[in-house]
Amino acid sequence: MPTPTHDRAPRLLLSVEDAAARLDIGRTTMFALIKSGEIASVRIGRLRRVPMDALRAYLRRLAEQHAA
């Protein structure tokens, strides 16, 4: 049986834990980055989510800082 297309679509939003795992950092560090504004996040009801674009932007800024 073929897998539905929506299952293969990239996730736009990650949980804080999943976002931290993608960066290989701890949950507490991720919350500190969110609180400081270094990584953008959104609230959906009671849930906090991190857009994939926010992780990419953060990594881009880190690379630019280290390249300078």
C-alpha atoms as a PDB file:
ATOM      1  CA  MET A   1       0.000   0.000   0.000  1.00  0.00           C
ATOM      2  CA  PRO A   2       1.554   3.379  -0.980  1.00  0.00           C
ATOM      3  CA  THR A   3       2.438   5.881   1.717  1.00  0.00           C
ATOM      4  CA  PRO A   4       0.205   8.980   1.676  1.00  0.00           C
ATOM      5  CA  THR A   5       1.945  12.056   0.277  1.00  0.00           C
ATOM      6  CA  HIS A   6       1.371  14.120   3.430  1.00  0.00           C
ATOM      7  CA  ASP A   7       3.474  11.658   5.466  1.00  0.00           C
ATOM      8  CA  ARG A   8       6.532  12.493   3.355  1.00  0.00           C
ATOM      9  CA  ALA A   9       6.044  16.263   3.468  1.00  0.00           C
ATOM     10  CA  PRO A  10       8.743  18.077   5.456  1.00  0.00           C
ATOM     11  CA  ARG A  11       7.662  19.226   8.894  1.00  0.00           C
ATOM     12  CA  LEU A  12       7.308  22.995   9.104  1.00  0.00           C
ATOM     13  CA  LEU A  13       7.197  23.082  12.901  1.00  0.00           C
ATOM     14  CA  LEU A  14       9.165  21.070  15.426  1.00  0.00           C
ATOM     15  CA  SER A  15       8.634  20.543  19.122  1.00  0.00           C
ATOM     16  CA  VAL A  16      11.268  22.186  21.298  1.00  0.00           C
ATOM     17  CA  GLU A  17      12.690  18.736  22.035  1.00  0.00           C
ATOM     18  CA  ASP A  18      12.898  17.807  18.334  1.00  0.00           C
ATOM     19  CA  ALA A  19      14.477  21.161  17.467  1.00  0.00           C
ATOM     20  CA  ALA A  20      17.057  20.668  20.229  1.00  0.00           C
ATOM     21  CA  ALA A  21      17.827  17.183  18.932  1.00  0.00           C
ATOM     22  CA  ARG A  22      18.358  18.563  15.415  1.00  0.00           C
ATOM     23  CA  LEU A  23      20.974  20.961  16.803  1.00  0.00           C
ATOM     24  CA  ASP A  24      22.419  18.302  19.129  1.00  0.00           C
ATOM     25  CA  ILE A  25      21.814  20.495  22.183  1.00  0.00           C
ATOM     26  CA  GLY A  26      19.770  20.009  25.327  1.00  0.00           C
ATOM     27  CA  ARG A  27      16.180  21.052  25.909  1.00  0.00           C
ATOM     28  CA  THR A  28      17.220  23.661  28.496  1.00  0.00           C
ATOM     29  CA  THR A  29      19.687  25.251  26.071  1.00  0.00           C
ATOM     30  CA  MET A  30      16.991  25.364  23.369  1.00  0.00           C
ATOM     31  CA  PHE A  31      14.582  27.105  25.747  1.00  0.00           C
ATOM     32  CA  ALA A  32      17.333  29.610  26.620  1.00  0.00           C
ATOM     33  CA  LEU A  33      17.913  30.344  22.908  1.00  0.00           C
ATOM     34  CA  ILE A  34      14.169  30.835  22.428  1.00  0.00           C
ATOM     35  CA  LYS A  35      13.878  33.076  25.499  1.00  0.00           C
ATOM     36  CA  SER A  36      16.812  35.229  24.342  1.00  0.00           C
ATOM     37  CA  GLY A  37      15.235  35.623  20.902  1.00  0.00           C
ATOM     38  CA  GLU A  38      18.105  33.895  19.106  1.00  0.00           C
ATOM     39  CA  ILE A  39      15.702  31.252  17.806  1.00  0.00           C
ATOM     40  CA  ALA A  40      12.131  32.198  16.933  1.00  0.00           C
ATOM     41  CA  SER A  41       9.237  30.086  18.130  1.00  0.00           C
ATOM     42  CA  VAL A  42       5.459  30.141  17.989  1.00  0.00           C
ATOM     43  CA  ARG A  43       2.753  29.142  20.416  1.00  0.00           C
ATOM     44  CA  ILE A  44      -0.162  27.049  19.251  1.00  0.00           C
ATOM     45  CA  GLY A  45      -2.533  26.803  22.167  1.00  0.00           C
ATOM     46  CA  ARG A  46      -0.375  25.559  25.039  1.00  0.00           C
ATOM     47  CA  LEU A  47       2.305  24.142  22.739  1.00  0.00           C
ATOM     48  CA  ARG A  48       5.580  25.843  21.825  1.00  0.00           C
ATOM     49  CA  ARG A  49       6.869  25.023  18.329  1.00  0.00           C
ATOM     50  CA  VAL A  50      10.033  25.993  16.462  1.00  0.00           C
ATOM     51  CA  PRO A  51       9.744  26.663  12.719  1.00  0.00           C
ATOM     52  CA  MET A  52      12.329  24.825  10.600  1.00  0.00           C
ATOM     53  CA  ASP A  53      13.122  28.183   8.971  1.00  0.00           C
ATOM     54  CA  ALA A  54      14.065  29.559  12.409  1.00  0.00           C
ATOM     55  CA  LEU A  55      16.604  26.751  12.882  1.00  0.00           C
ATOM     56  CA  ARG A  56      18.046  27.368   9.419  1.00  0.00           C
ATOM     57  CA  ALA A  57      18.303  31.117  10.088  1.00  0.00           C
ATOM     58  CA  TYR A  58      20.051  30.487  13.416  1.00  0.00           C
ATOM     59  CA  LEU A  59      22.583  28.156  11.789  1.00  0.00           C
ATOM     60  CA  ARG A  60      23.177  30.686   9.001  1.00  0.00           C
ATOM     61  CA  ARG A  61      23.878  33.428  11.571  1.00  0.00           C
ATOM     62  CA  LEU A  62      26.272  31.154  13.464  1.00  0.00           C
ATOM     63  CA  ALA A  63      28.148  30.333  10.259  1.00  0.00           C
ATOM     64  CA  GLU A  64      28.378  34.029   9.321  1.00  0.00           C
ATOM     65  CA  GLN A  65      29.679  34.952  12.794  1.00  0.00           C
ATOM     66  CA  HIS A  66      32.391  32.301  12.651  1.00  0.00           C
ATOM     67  CA  ALA A  67      33.339  33.168   9.070  1.00  0.00           C
ATOM     68  CA  ALA A  68      33.896  36.840   9.932  1.00  0.00           C
END
